[in-house]
Amino acid sequence: MGGIGPLLGQAHHFRLYAPEKIGHAFNRYTHEASRLYRVVATRLAEVEHLAGDYSIVDMATYPWLRYHENQGQKLEDYPHLKRWYDAISARPAVQKGLAVLQEESRSPQQMDQQAKKLLFGSGQYEKR
């Protein structure tokens, strides 16, 4: 789990949000995403859930893997991970949470310049 958030977050940034497409960063984090997906898939070949039983580990990992396409990944390439992903997605509490997220989220194309500045530019470092 230690690499999932930080490294997949970087994949999101450089693949989706970065104003400049930096080839090295794009490739590095796409390949790192592939490595992390293989690690998760290998574990899920042995057990139903990441820690054996459904736990906070699954709850913390699932949101990052929801954006697999933005990370350059296809779940079909990881059958055990896809099985797990589909099972987590089908949970009623997850579906309820995703409905709230759908109502509140915005794509990068929907963000104004001020929002982008606060999230990704110099504004994120300013004192408020």
N, C-alpha and C. Protein backbone atom coordinates (compact mmCIF):
# COMPACT_ATOMS: atom_id res chain seq x y z
N MET A 1 0.83 -1.19 0.00
CA MET A 1 0.00 0.00 0.00
C MET A 1 0.86 1.25 0.00
N GLY A 2 2.08 1.14 0.51
CA GLY A 2 2.93 2.32 0.64
C GLY A 2 3.21 3.03 -0.68
N GLY A 3 3.23 2.30 -1.78
CA GLY A 3 3.50 2.92 -3.07
C GLY A 3 2.26 3.26 -3.87
N ILE A 4 1.14 2.63 -3.55
CA ILE A 4 -0.07 2.79 -4.35
C ILE A 4 -0.47 4.26 -4.46
N GLY A 5 -0.71 4.91 -3.34
CA GLY A 5 -1.17 6.30 -3.38
C GLY A 5 -0.16 7.25 -4.01
N PRO A 6 1.05 7.29 -3.49
CA PRO A 6 2.00 8.27 -4.03
C PRO A 6 2.33 8.05 -5.51
N LEU A 7 2.60 6.81 -5.89
CA LEU A 7 3.06 6.58 -7.26
C LEU A 7 1.91 6.61 -8.27
N LEU A 8 0.75 6.09 -7.90
CA LEU A 8 -0.38 6.20 -8.82
C LEU A 8 -0.86 7.65 -8.89
N GLY A 9 -0.70 8.39 -7.80
CA GLY A 9 -1.00 9.82 -7.84
C GLY A 9 -0.11 10.55 -8.82
N GLN A 10 1.15 10.18 -8.87
CA GLN A 10 2.07 10.78 -9.84
C GLN A 10 1.67 10.39 -11.26
N ALA A 11 1.25 9.14 -11.44
CA ALA A 11 0.78 8.72 -12.77
C ALA A 11 -0.40 9.58 -13.20
N HIS A 12 -1.33 9.80 -12.28
CA HIS A 12 -2.47 10.67 -12.59
C HIS A 12 -1.99 12.05 -12.99
N HIS A 13 -1.10 12.59 -12.20
CA HIS A 13 -0.66 13.96 -12.45
C HIS A 13 -0.02 14.09 -13.84
N PHE A 14 0.97 13.26 -14.10
CA PHE A 14 1.72 13.42 -15.34
C PHE A 14 0.95 12.95 -16.57
N ARG A 15 0.04 12.00 -16.40
CA ARG A 15 -0.74 11.52 -17.55
C ARG A 15 -1.96 12.39 -17.82
N LEU A 16 -2.52 13.04 -16.77
CA LEU A 16 -3.81 13.70 -16.92
C LEU A 16 -3.78 15.21 -16.67
N TYR A 17 -3.06 15.63 -15.66
CA TYR A 17 -3.16 17.01 -15.22
C TYR A 17 -1.99 17.92 -15.60
N ALA A 18 -0.82 17.36 -15.76
CA ALA A 18 0.36 18.19 -16.01
C ALA A 18 0.16 19.05 -17.25
N PRO A 19 0.45 20.35 -17.15
CA PRO A 19 0.26 21.22 -18.32
C PRO A 19 1.23 20.89 -19.46
N GLU A 20 2.39 20.35 -19.11
CA GLU A 20 3.36 19.95 -20.12
C GLU A 20 3.47 18.43 -20.09
N LYS A 21 3.45 17.80 -21.23
CA LYS A 21 3.60 16.35 -21.30
C LYS A 21 5.09 16.03 -21.33
N ILE A 22 5.58 15.56 -20.21
CA ILE A 22 6.99 15.22 -20.04
C ILE A 22 7.13 13.72 -20.26
N GLY A 23 7.72 13.34 -21.37
CA GLY A 23 7.79 11.94 -21.77
C GLY A 23 8.38 11.02 -20.71
N HIS A 24 9.49 11.45 -20.11
CA HIS A 24 10.13 10.60 -19.10
C HIS A 24 9.19 10.37 -17.93
N ALA A 25 8.55 11.41 -17.42
CA ALA A 25 7.64 11.26 -16.28
C ALA A 25 6.43 10.42 -16.66
N PHE A 26 5.88 10.68 -17.81
CA PHE A 26 4.72 9.93 -18.31
C PHE A 26 5.06 8.43 -18.34
N ASN A 27 6.18 8.08 -18.94
CA ASN A 27 6.58 6.68 -19.05
C ASN A 27 6.95 6.08 -17.71
N ARG A 28 7.70 6.81 -16.91
CA ARG A 28 8.13 6.29 -15.63
C ARG A 28 6.95 5.89 -14.76
N TYR A 29 5.98 6.77 -14.63
CA TYR A 29 4.86 6.49 -13.74
C TYR A 29 3.86 5.53 -14.35
N THR A 30 3.77 5.45 -15.65
CA THR A 30 2.94 4.43 -16.28
C THR A 30 3.53 3.05 -16.03
N HIS A 31 4.85 2.94 -16.17
CA HIS A 31 5.52 1.66 -15.91
C HIS A 31 5.46 1.29 -14.43
N GLU A 32 5.58 2.29 -13.57
CA GLU A 32 5.48 2.02 -12.13
C GLU A 32 4.07 1.58 -11.78
N ALA A 33 3.07 2.16 -12.42
CA ALA A 33 1.68 1.72 -12.20
C ALA A 33 1.55 0.25 -12.61
N SER A 34 2.13 -0.12 -13.73
CA SER A 34 2.08 -1.52 -14.18
C SER A 34 2.70 -2.44 -13.14
N ARG A 35 3.83 -2.03 -12.59
CA ARG A 35 4.49 -2.85 -11.57
C ARG A 35 3.60 -3.02 -10.35
N LEU A 36 3.00 -1.94 -9.89
CA LEU A 36 2.13 -2.01 -8.71
C LEU A 36 0.90 -2.87 -8.98
N TYR A 37 0.33 -2.76 -10.16
CA TYR A 37 -0.82 -3.59 -10.50
C TYR A 37 -0.41 -5.07 -10.49
N ARG A 38 0.79 -5.38 -10.97
CA ARG A 38 1.25 -6.78 -10.94
C ARG A 38 1.42 -7.27 -9.51
N VAL A 39 1.93 -6.41 -8.62
CA VAL A 39 2.09 -6.80 -7.22
C VAL A 39 0.72 -7.12 -6.61
N VAL A 40 -0.24 -6.24 -6.82
CA VAL A 40 -1.59 -6.46 -6.28
C VAL A 40 -2.19 -7.73 -6.90
N ALA A 41 -2.07 -7.89 -8.20
CA ALA A 41 -2.63 -9.06 -8.88
C ALA A 41 -2.00 -10.36 -8.38
N THR A 42 -0.71 -10.33 -8.12
CA THR A 42 -0.02 -11.52 -7.61
C THR A 42 -0.58 -11.90 -6.24
N ARG A 43 -0.78 -10.91 -5.39
CA ARG A 43 -1.35 -11.18 -4.07
C ARG A 43 -2.78 -11.73 -4.20
N LEU A 44 -3.55 -11.13 -5.10
CA LEU A 44 -4.95 -11.55 -5.25
C LEU A 44 -5.09 -12.90 -5.95
N ALA A 45 -4.02 -13.41 -6.51
CA ALA A 45 -4.04 -14.77 -7.04
C ALA A 45 -4.03 -15.79 -5.90
N GLU A 46 -3.60 -15.33 -4.71
CA GLU A 46 -3.47 -16.21 -3.54
C GLU A 46 -4.65 -16.11 -2.57
N VAL A 47 -5.30 -14.94 -2.53
CA VAL A 47 -6.34 -14.67 -1.54
C VAL A 47 -7.50 -13.91 -2.18
N GLU A 48 -8.64 -13.92 -1.50
CA GLU A 48 -9.81 -13.21 -2.03
C GLU A 48 -9.67 -11.70 -1.89
N HIS A 49 -9.13 -11.27 -0.75
CA HIS A 49 -8.92 -9.84 -0.49
C HIS A 49 -7.46 -9.63 -0.11
N LEU A 50 -7.00 -8.40 -0.16
CA LEU A 50 -5.57 -8.13 -0.01
C LEU A 50 -4.98 -8.60 1.31
N ALA A 51 -5.74 -8.49 2.39
CA ALA A 51 -5.25 -8.96 3.69
C ALA A 51 -5.89 -10.30 4.07
N GLY A 52 -6.44 -10.99 3.10
CA GLY A 52 -7.13 -12.26 3.35
C GLY A 52 -8.63 -12.05 3.41
N ASP A 53 -9.08 -11.32 4.44
CA ASP A 53 -10.49 -10.95 4.58
C ASP A 53 -10.64 -9.49 4.15
N TYR A 54 -11.86 -9.10 3.80
CA TYR A 54 -12.13 -7.70 3.43
C TYR A 54 -11.74 -6.81 4.60
N SER A 55 -10.95 -5.76 4.31
CA SER A 55 -10.43 -4.92 5.39
C SER A 55 -10.14 -3.51 4.87
N ILE A 56 -9.60 -2.71 5.75
CA ILE A 56 -9.20 -1.34 5.41
C ILE A 56 -8.19 -1.33 4.27
N VAL A 57 -7.44 -2.39 4.11
CA VAL A 57 -6.47 -2.46 3.02
C VAL A 57 -7.19 -2.40 1.67
N ASP A 58 -8.27 -3.15 1.54
CA ASP A 58 -9.06 -3.11 0.31
C ASP A 58 -9.70 -1.73 0.14
N MET A 59 -10.22 -1.19 1.24
CA MET A 59 -10.88 0.12 1.19
C MET A 59 -9.91 1.22 0.78
N ALA A 60 -8.67 1.12 1.19
CA ALA A 60 -7.68 2.14 0.86
C ALA A 60 -7.10 1.97 -0.54
N THR A 61 -7.05 0.75 -1.03
CA THR A 61 -6.46 0.48 -2.34
C THR A 61 -7.44 0.70 -3.47
N TYR A 62 -8.67 0.28 -3.28
CA TYR A 62 -9.67 0.35 -4.35
C TYR A 62 -9.81 1.73 -4.99
N PRO A 63 -9.91 2.82 -4.21
CA PRO A 63 -10.09 4.12 -4.87
C PRO A 63 -8.97 4.48 -5.85
N TRP A 64 -7.76 4.08 -5.56
CA TRP A 64 -6.65 4.39 -6.46
C TRP A 64 -6.76 3.58 -7.75
N LEU A 65 -7.23 2.37 -7.66
CA LEU A 65 -7.31 1.52 -8.84
C LEU A 65 -8.56 1.80 -9.68
N ARG A 66 -9.48 2.58 -9.16
CA ARG A 66 -10.67 2.96 -9.93
C ARG A 66 -10.29 3.70 -11.19
N TYR A 67 -9.20 4.40 -11.17
CA TYR A 67 -8.78 5.23 -12.29
C TYR A 67 -7.73 4.55 -13.16
N HIS A 68 -7.85 3.24 -13.29
CA HIS A 68 -6.84 2.44 -14.00
C HIS A 68 -6.58 2.96 -15.41
N GLU A 69 -7.61 3.42 -16.10
CA GLU A 69 -7.39 3.91 -17.47
C GLU A 69 -6.51 5.16 -17.47
N ASN A 70 -6.70 6.04 -16.47
CA ASN A 70 -5.87 7.24 -16.37
C ASN A 70 -4.43 6.90 -16.05
N GLN A 71 -4.20 5.69 -15.54
CA GLN A 71 -2.85 5.25 -15.19
C GLN A 71 -2.25 4.38 -16.30
N GLY A 72 -2.97 4.26 -17.41
CA GLY A 72 -2.47 3.47 -18.54
C GLY A 72 -2.61 1.98 -18.35
N GLN A 73 -3.59 1.56 -17.53
CA GLN A 73 -3.75 0.14 -17.22
C GLN A 73 -5.10 -0.37 -17.70
N LYS A 74 -5.14 -1.66 -18.03
CA LYS A 74 -6.38 -2.35 -18.40
C LYS A 74 -6.58 -3.47 -17.39
N LEU A 75 -7.71 -3.46 -16.71
CA LEU A 75 -7.95 -4.50 -15.71
C LEU A 75 -7.96 -5.90 -16.32
N GLU A 76 -8.33 -6.00 -17.57
CA GLU A 76 -8.35 -7.30 -18.24
C GLU A 76 -6.97 -7.94 -18.27
N ASP A 77 -5.92 -7.13 -18.16
CA ASP A 77 -4.56 -7.67 -18.13
C ASP A 77 -4.22 -8.33 -16.80
N TYR A 78 -5.08 -8.14 -15.80
CA TYR A 78 -4.85 -8.63 -14.45
C TYR A 78 -6.12 -9.34 -13.96
N PRO A 79 -6.38 -10.57 -14.37
CA PRO A 79 -7.66 -11.22 -14.08
C PRO A 79 -7.98 -11.33 -12.58
N HIS A 80 -7.01 -11.61 -11.75
CA HIS A 80 -7.28 -11.73 -10.31
C HIS A 80 -7.62 -10.36 -9.72
N LEU A 81 -6.93 -9.36 -10.17
CA LEU A 81 -7.23 -8.00 -9.72
C LEU A 81 -8.62 -7.58 -10.21
N LYS A 82 -8.95 -7.91 -11.44
CA LYS A 82 -10.28 -7.57 -11.97
C LYS A 82 -11.38 -8.25 -11.18
N ARG A 83 -11.19 -9.51 -10.81
CA ARG A 83 -12.17 -10.21 -9.98
C ARG A 83 -12.40 -9.46 -8.67
N TRP A 84 -11.30 -9.08 -8.02
CA TRP A 84 -11.37 -8.33 -6.76
C TRP A 84 -12.04 -6.98 -6.98
N TYR A 85 -11.63 -6.27 -8.02
CA TYR A 85 -12.16 -4.95 -8.33
C TYR A 85 -13.67 -5.02 -8.54
N ASP A 86 -14.13 -5.99 -9.31
CA ASP A 86 -15.56 -6.12 -9.57
C ASP A 86 -16.32 -6.45 -8.29
N ALA A 87 -15.74 -7.28 -7.43
CA ALA A 87 -16.40 -7.62 -6.16
C ALA A 87 -16.50 -6.40 -5.25
N ILE A 88 -15.44 -5.61 -5.17
CA ILE A 88 -15.47 -4.40 -4.34
C ILE A 88 -16.47 -3.41 -4.93
N SER A 89 -16.46 -3.24 -6.24
CA SER A 89 -17.37 -2.31 -6.91
C SER A 89 -18.83 -2.66 -6.65
N ALA A 90 -19.13 -3.93 -6.47
CA ALA A 90 -20.51 -4.38 -6.28
C ALA A 90 -21.01 -4.20 -4.85
N ARG A 91 -20.13 -3.88 -3.93
CA ARG A 91 -20.55 -3.72 -2.53
C ARG A 91 -21.49 -2.52 -2.41
N PRO A 92 -22.63 -2.68 -1.74
CA PRO A 92 -23.59 -1.57 -1.62
C PRO A 92 -23.00 -0.29 -1.03
N ALA A 93 -22.16 -0.40 -0.02
CA ALA A 93 -21.58 0.80 0.58
C ALA A 93 -20.65 1.51 -0.40
N VAL A 94 -19.94 0.75 -1.21
CA VAL A 94 -19.05 1.33 -2.21
C VAL A 94 -19.89 2.04 -3.27
N GLN A 95 -20.95 1.41 -3.71
CA GLN A 95 -21.82 2.04 -4.70
C GLN A 95 -22.42 3.34 -4.16
N LYS A 96 -22.79 3.35 -2.90
CA LYS A 96 -23.34 4.56 -2.28
C LYS A 96 -22.28 5.67 -2.23
N GLY A 97 -21.08 5.32 -1.85
CA GLY A 97 -20.00 6.30 -1.81
C GLY A 97 -19.66 6.84 -3.19
N LEU A 98 -19.65 5.97 -4.18
CA LEU A 98 -19.35 6.40 -5.54
C LEU A 98 -20.42 7.34 -6.09
N ALA A 99 -21.66 7.13 -5.67
CA ALA A 99 -22.74 8.03 -6.10
C ALA A 99 -22.50 9.44 -5.57
N VAL A 100 -22.04 9.55 -4.33
CA VAL A 100 -21.72 10.87 -3.76
C VAL A 100 -20.56 11.48 -4.52
N LEU A 101 -19.55 10.69 -4.79
CA LEU A 101 -18.38 11.18 -5.53
C LEU A 101 -18.79 11.69 -6.90
N GLN A 102 -19.65 10.97 -7.57
CA GLN A 102 -20.11 11.37 -8.91
C GLN A 102 -20.76 12.74 -8.87
N GLU A 103 -21.52 13.01 -7.84
CA GLU A 103 -22.20 14.30 -7.71
C GLU A 103 -21.23 15.44 -7.46
N GLU A 104 -20.12 15.16 -6.79
CA GLU A 104 -19.21 16.21 -6.33
C GLU A 104 -17.98 16.41 -7.19
N SER A 105 -17.61 15.43 -8.00
CA SER A 105 -16.32 15.52 -8.69
C SER A 105 -16.42 16.32 -9.99
N ARG A 106 -15.25 16.82 -10.37
CA ARG A 106 -15.12 17.57 -11.63
C ARG A 106 -13.92 17.04 -12.39
N SER A 107 -14.03 17.00 -13.69
CA SER A 107 -12.90 16.58 -14.52
C SER A 107 -11.96 17.77 -14.68
N PRO A 108 -10.73 17.51 -15.10
CA PRO A 108 -9.80 18.63 -15.33
C PRO A 108 -10.36 19.66 -16.31
N GLN A 109 -11.13 19.19 -17.28
CA GLN A 109 -11.69 20.10 -18.27
C GLN A 109 -12.75 21.03 -17.65
N GLN A 110 -13.33 20.62 -16.54
CA GLN A 110 -14.36 21.43 -15.88
C GLN A 110 -13.76 22.41 -14.86
N MET A 111 -12.47 22.33 -14.60
CA MET A 111 -11.83 23.20 -13.61
C MET A 111 -11.48 24.54 -14.24
N ASP A 112 -11.72 25.59 -13.48
CA ASP A 112 -11.30 26.90 -13.96
C ASP A 112 -9.82 27.10 -13.61
N GLN A 113 -9.24 28.16 -14.09
CA GLN A 113 -7.80 28.41 -13.89
C GLN A 113 -7.46 28.54 -12.40
N GLN A 114 -8.34 29.16 -11.62
CA GLN A 114 -8.08 29.31 -10.19
C GLN A 114 -8.01 27.94 -9.50
N ALA A 115 -8.93 27.05 -9.83
CA ALA A 115 -8.91 25.71 -9.24
C ALA A 115 -7.63 24.97 -9.62
N LYS A 116 -7.23 25.08 -10.88
CA LYS A 116 -6.00 24.42 -11.32
C LYS A 116 -4.78 25.01 -10.61
N LYS A 117 -4.78 26.33 -10.41
CA LYS A 117 -3.66 26.97 -9.71
C LYS A 117 -3.57 26.45 -8.28
N LEU A 118 -4.71 26.32 -7.61
CA LEU A 118 -4.71 25.86 -6.23
C LEU A 118 -4.33 24.38 -6.11
N LEU A 119 -4.75 23.59 -7.07
CA LEU A 119 -4.47 22.16 -7.00
C LEU A 119 -3.09 21.77 -7.52
N PHE A 120 -2.63 22.43 -8.59
CA PHE A 120 -1.43 21.96 -9.27
C PHE A 120 -0.35 23.02 -9.46
N GLY A 121 -0.67 24.26 -9.26
CA GLY A 121 0.28 25.32 -9.55
C GLY A 121 0.83 25.97 -8.30
N SER A 122 1.29 27.18 -8.46
CA SER A 122 1.94 27.90 -7.37
C SER A 122 0.98 28.15 -6.21
N GLY A 123 -0.31 28.19 -6.47
CA GLY A 123 -1.28 28.46 -5.42
C GLY A 123 -1.30 27.42 -4.33
N GLN A 124 -0.89 26.21 -4.63
CA GLN A 124 -0.91 25.16 -3.60
C GLN A 124 0.13 25.41 -2.52
N TYR A 125 1.10 26.28 -2.79
CA TYR A 125 2.16 26.53 -1.82
C TYR A 125 1.99 27.86 -1.08
N GLU A 126 1.01 28.65 -1.47
CA GLU A 126 0.80 29.95 -0.84
C GLU A 126 0.15 29.80 0.52
N LYS A 127 0.53 30.70 1.44
CA LYS A 127 -0.13 30.72 2.74
C LYS A 127 -1.55 31.22 2.56
N ARG A 128 -2.45 30.63 3.27
CA ARG A 128 -3.86 31.07 3.20
C ARG A 128 -4.36 31.39 4.56
